[in-house]
């Protein structure tokens, strides 16, 4: 039971990291220091996509999945619904470049929005 739970927790962490990479810039509306946390994460996420690398969380999750399957764990909710979101079967190099570019474009708009909102909030 422990290995399957560890793999599931890593998968959820992986999904949360992806969401943070795409939309984490919005947190800087609340506190400006989030930009200093988000920008390196975004750069890492885009670099992993564009370089065709594997996130270090993937082999760690796979390790725990292998250990869990030796104990006969069956597929559950997380494997059925979350795994295809993080590891699509049709992932190609052009799709990786597109998704990395989409992350960059989304975050440019997010940071422009944050900058505009912060400028509106400051006394002129």
C-alpha atoms as a PDB file:
ATOM      1  CA  UNK A   1       0.000   0.000   0.000  1.00  0.00           C
ATOM      2  CA  UNK A   2       2.811   2.465   0.765  1.00  0.00           C
ATOM      3  CA  UNK A   3       4.433   2.322  -2.680  1.00  0.00           C
ATOM      4  CA  UNK A   4       1.166   2.883  -4.530  1.00  0.00           C
ATOM      5  CA  UNK A   5       0.326   5.817  -2.284  1.00  0.00           C
ATOM      6  CA  UNK A   6       3.803   7.298  -2.813  1.00  0.00           C
ATOM      7  CA  UNK A   7       3.388   6.994  -6.596  1.00  0.00           C
ATOM      8  CA  UNK A   8      -0.051   8.617  -6.419  1.00  0.00           C
ATOM      9  CA  UNK A   9       1.248  11.485  -4.294  1.00  0.00           C
ATOM     10  CA  UNK A  10       4.097  12.092  -6.730  1.00  0.00           C
ATOM     11  CA  UNK A  11       1.621  12.090  -9.619  1.00  0.00           C
ATOM     12  CA  UNK A  12      -0.579  14.655  -7.859  1.00  0.00           C
ATOM     13  CA  UNK A  13       2.515  16.757  -7.060  1.00  0.00           C
ATOM     14  CA  UNK A  14       3.493  16.531 -10.731  1.00  0.00           C
ATOM     15  CA  UNK A  15       0.055  17.731 -11.820  1.00  0.00           C
ATOM     16  CA  UNK A  16       0.113  20.587  -9.303  1.00  0.00           C
ATOM     17  CA  UNK A  17       3.552  21.622 -10.549  1.00  0.00           C
ATOM     18  CA  UNK A  18       2.267  21.700 -14.138  1.00  0.00           C
ATOM     19  CA  UNK A  19      -0.687  23.872 -13.083  1.00  0.00           C
ATOM     20  CA  UNK A  20       1.725  26.142 -11.187  1.00  0.00           C
ATOM     21  CA  UNK A  21       3.993  26.422 -14.247  1.00  0.00           C
ATOM     22  CA  UNK A  22       1.071  27.461 -16.441  1.00  0.00           C
ATOM     23  CA  UNK A  23      -0.901  29.687 -14.062  1.00  0.00           C
ATOM     24  CA  UNK A  24       1.391  30.393 -11.094  1.00  0.00           C
ATOM     25  CA  UNK A  25       2.050  33.940 -12.203  1.00  0.00           C
ATOM     26  CA  UNK A  26      -1.447  34.824 -11.023  1.00  0.00           C
ATOM     27  CA  UNK A  27      -0.268  34.285  -7.449  1.00  0.00           C
ATOM     28  CA  UNK A  28       1.844  37.421  -7.805  1.00  0.00           C
ATOM     29  CA  UNK A  29      -1.417  39.398  -7.770  1.00  0.00           C
ATOM     30  CA  UNK A  30      -1.658  38.373  -4.124  1.00  0.00           C
ATOM     31  CA  UNK A  31       2.025  38.660  -3.214  1.00  0.00           C
ATOM     32  CA  UNK A  32       4.708  39.944  -5.548  1.00  0.00           C
ATOM     33  CA  UNK A  33       7.342  37.485  -4.340  1.00  0.00           C
ATOM     34  CA  UNK A  34       5.463  34.636  -6.061  1.00  0.00           C
ATOM     35  CA  UNK A  35       6.936  35.838  -9.344  1.00  0.00           C
ATOM     36  CA  UNK A  36      10.407  34.953  -8.027  1.00  0.00           C
ATOM     37  CA  UNK A  37       9.190  31.432  -7.272  1.00  0.00           C
ATOM     38  CA  UNK A  38       7.109  31.037 -10.413  1.00  0.00           C
ATOM     39  CA  UNK A  39       9.512  32.328 -13.081  1.00  0.00           C
ATOM     40  CA  UNK A  40      12.232  29.699 -12.417  1.00  0.00           C
ATOM     41  CA  UNK A  41       9.556  26.982 -12.319  1.00  0.00           C
ATOM     42  CA  UNK A  42       8.120  28.224 -15.617  1.00  0.00           C
ATOM     43  CA  UNK A  43      11.559  28.353 -17.226  1.00  0.00           C
ATOM     44  CA  UNK A  44      12.255  24.807 -16.007  1.00  0.00           C
ATOM     45  CA  UNK A  45       8.896  23.538 -17.341  1.00  0.00           C
ATOM     46  CA  UNK A  46       9.375  25.117 -20.755  1.00  0.00           C
ATOM     47  CA  UNK A  47      12.978  23.898 -20.950  1.00  0.00           C
ATOM     48  CA  UNK A  48      11.920  20.329 -20.130  1.00  0.00           C
ATOM     49  CA  UNK A  49       9.262  20.485 -22.872  1.00  0.00           C
ATOM     50  CA  UNK A  50      11.447  22.077 -25.532  1.00  0.00           C
ATOM     51  CA  UNK A  51      14.498  19.933 -24.818  1.00  0.00           C
ATOM     52  CA  UNK A  52      12.423  16.744 -24.788  1.00  0.00           C
ATOM     53  CA  UNK A  53      13.661  15.915 -21.315  1.00  0.00           C
ATOM     54  CA  UNK A  54      11.934  13.887 -18.649  1.00  0.00           C
ATOM     55  CA  UNK A  55      10.965  15.597 -15.418  1.00  0.00           C
ATOM     56  CA  UNK A  56      12.747  14.022 -12.439  1.00  0.00           C
ATOM     57  CA  UNK A  57       9.369  13.281 -10.882  1.00  0.00           C
ATOM     58  CA  UNK A  58       8.554  10.838 -13.687  1.00  0.00           C
ATOM     59  CA  UNK A  59      11.269   8.238 -12.973  1.00  0.00           C
ATOM     60  CA  UNK A  60      10.577   8.556  -9.255  1.00  0.00           C
ATOM     61  CA  UNK A  61       6.888   7.895  -9.811  1.00  0.00           C
ATOM     62  CA  UNK A  62       7.680   4.994 -12.151  1.00  0.00           C
ATOM     63  CA  UNK A  63       9.973   3.480  -9.534  1.00  0.00           C
ATOM     64  CA  UNK A  64       7.190   3.466  -6.953  1.00  0.00           C
ATOM     65  CA  UNK A  65       4.685   2.189  -9.526  1.00  0.00           C
ATOM     66  CA  UNK A  66       6.964  -0.767 -10.283  1.00  0.00           C
ATOM     67  CA  UNK A  67       7.317  -1.503  -6.599  1.00  0.00           C
ATOM     68  CA  UNK A  68       3.558  -1.258  -6.156  1.00  0.00           C
ATOM     69  CA  UNK A  69       2.730  -3.479  -9.097  1.00  0.00           C
ATOM     70  CA  UNK A  70       4.901  -6.221  -7.641  1.00  0.00           C
ATOM     71  CA  UNK A  71       2.464  -6.186  -4.766  1.00  0.00           C
ATOM     72  CA  UNK A  72      -0.538  -6.468  -7.091  1.00  0.00           C
ATOM     73  CA  UNK A  73      -2.116  -3.020  -6.826  1.00  0.00           C
ATOM     74  CA  UNK A  74      -4.891  -2.397  -9.333  1.00  0.00           C
ATOM     75  CA  UNK A  75      -5.562   0.751 -11.350  1.00  0.00           C
ATOM     76  CA  UNK A  76      -7.432   3.389  -9.408  1.00  0.00           C
ATOM     77  CA  UNK A  77      -8.945   6.805  -9.927  1.00  0.00           C
ATOM     78  CA  UNK A  78      -5.636   8.626 -10.130  1.00  0.00           C
ATOM     79  CA  UNK A  79      -4.139   6.293 -12.726  1.00  0.00           C
ATOM     80  CA  UNK A  80      -7.289   6.336 -14.819  1.00  0.00           C
ATOM     81  CA  UNK A  81      -7.931  10.101 -14.838  1.00  0.00           C
ATOM     82  CA  UNK A  82      -4.696  11.935 -14.037  1.00  0.00           C
ATOM     83  CA  UNK A  83      -2.034   9.855 -15.796  1.00  0.00           C
ATOM     84  CA  UNK A  84      -3.422  10.556 -19.304  1.00  0.00           C
ATOM     85  CA  UNK A  85      -3.388  14.302 -18.571  1.00  0.00           C
ATOM     86  CA  UNK A  86       0.274  14.298 -17.598  1.00  0.00           C
ATOM     87  CA  UNK A  87       1.508  11.605 -19.999  1.00  0.00           C
ATOM     88  CA  UNK A  88      -0.590  11.784 -23.203  1.00  0.00           C
ATOM     89  CA  UNK A  89      -0.047   8.914 -25.640  1.00  0.00           C
ATOM     90  CA  UNK A  90       0.158  11.202 -28.675  1.00  0.00           C
ATOM     91  CA  UNK A  91       2.924  13.437 -27.293  1.00  0.00           C
ATOM     92  CA  UNK A  92       5.136  14.412 -30.227  1.00  0.00           C
ATOM     93  CA  UNK A  93       8.059  16.824 -30.503  1.00  0.00           C
ATOM     94  CA  UNK A  94       5.937  19.462 -32.312  1.00  0.00           C
ATOM     95  CA  UNK A  95       3.279  19.120 -29.598  1.00  0.00           C
ATOM     96  CA  UNK A  96       5.959  19.587 -26.939  1.00  0.00           C
ATOM     97  CA  UNK A  97       7.168  22.758 -28.680  1.00  0.00           C
ATOM     98  CA  UNK A  98       3.585  23.985 -28.992  1.00  0.00           C
ATOM     99  CA  UNK A  99       2.798  23.335 -25.328  1.00  0.00           C
ATOM    100  CA  UNK A 100       6.023  25.036 -24.206  1.00  0.00           C
ATOM    101  CA  UNK A 101       5.225  28.026 -26.401  1.00  0.00           C
ATOM    102  CA  UNK A 102       1.688  28.117 -25.044  1.00  0.00           C
ATOM    103  CA  UNK A 103       3.067  28.247 -21.490  1.00  0.00           C
ATOM    104  CA  UNK A 104       5.287  31.185 -22.459  1.00  0.00           C
ATOM    105  CA  UNK A 105       2.432  33.059 -24.165  1.00  0.00           C
ATOM    106  CA  UNK A 106      -0.031  32.441 -21.317  1.00  0.00           C
ATOM    107  CA  UNK A 107       2.502  33.695 -18.804  1.00  0.00           C
ATOM    108  CA  UNK A 108       3.367  36.786 -20.825  1.00  0.00           C
ATOM    109  CA  UNK A 109      -0.311  37.711 -20.693  1.00  0.00           C
ATOM    110  CA  UNK A 110      -0.539  36.842 -16.994  1.00  0.00           C
ATOM    111  CA  UNK A 111       2.430  39.039 -16.099  1.00  0.00           C
ATOM    112  CA  UNK A 112       1.167  41.884 -18.280  1.00  0.00           C
ATOM    113  CA  UNK A 113      -2.156  41.605 -16.453  1.00  0.00           C
ATOM    114  CA  UNK A 114      -0.418  41.546 -13.059  1.00  0.00           C
ATOM    115  CA  UNK A 115       1.657  44.584 -14.030  1.00  0.00           C
ATOM    116  CA  UNK A 116      -1.464  46.452 -15.147  1.00  0.00           C
ATOM    117  CA  UNK A 117      -3.346  45.605 -11.943  1.00  0.00           C
ATOM    118  CA  UNK A 118      -0.415  46.651  -9.765  1.00  0.00           C
ATOM    119  CA  UNK A 119      -0.068  49.929 -11.699  1.00  0.00           C
ATOM    120  CA  UNK A 120      -3.780  50.625 -11.223  1.00  0.00           C
ATOM    121  CA  UNK A 121      -3.460  50.025  -7.490  1.00  0.00           C
ATOM    122  CA  UNK A 122      -0.600  52.489  -6.972  1.00  0.00           C
ATOM    123  CA  UNK A 123      -1.373  56.164  -6.333  1.00  0.00           C
ATOM    124  CA  UNK A 124      -0.429  58.335  -9.306  1.00  0.00           C
END
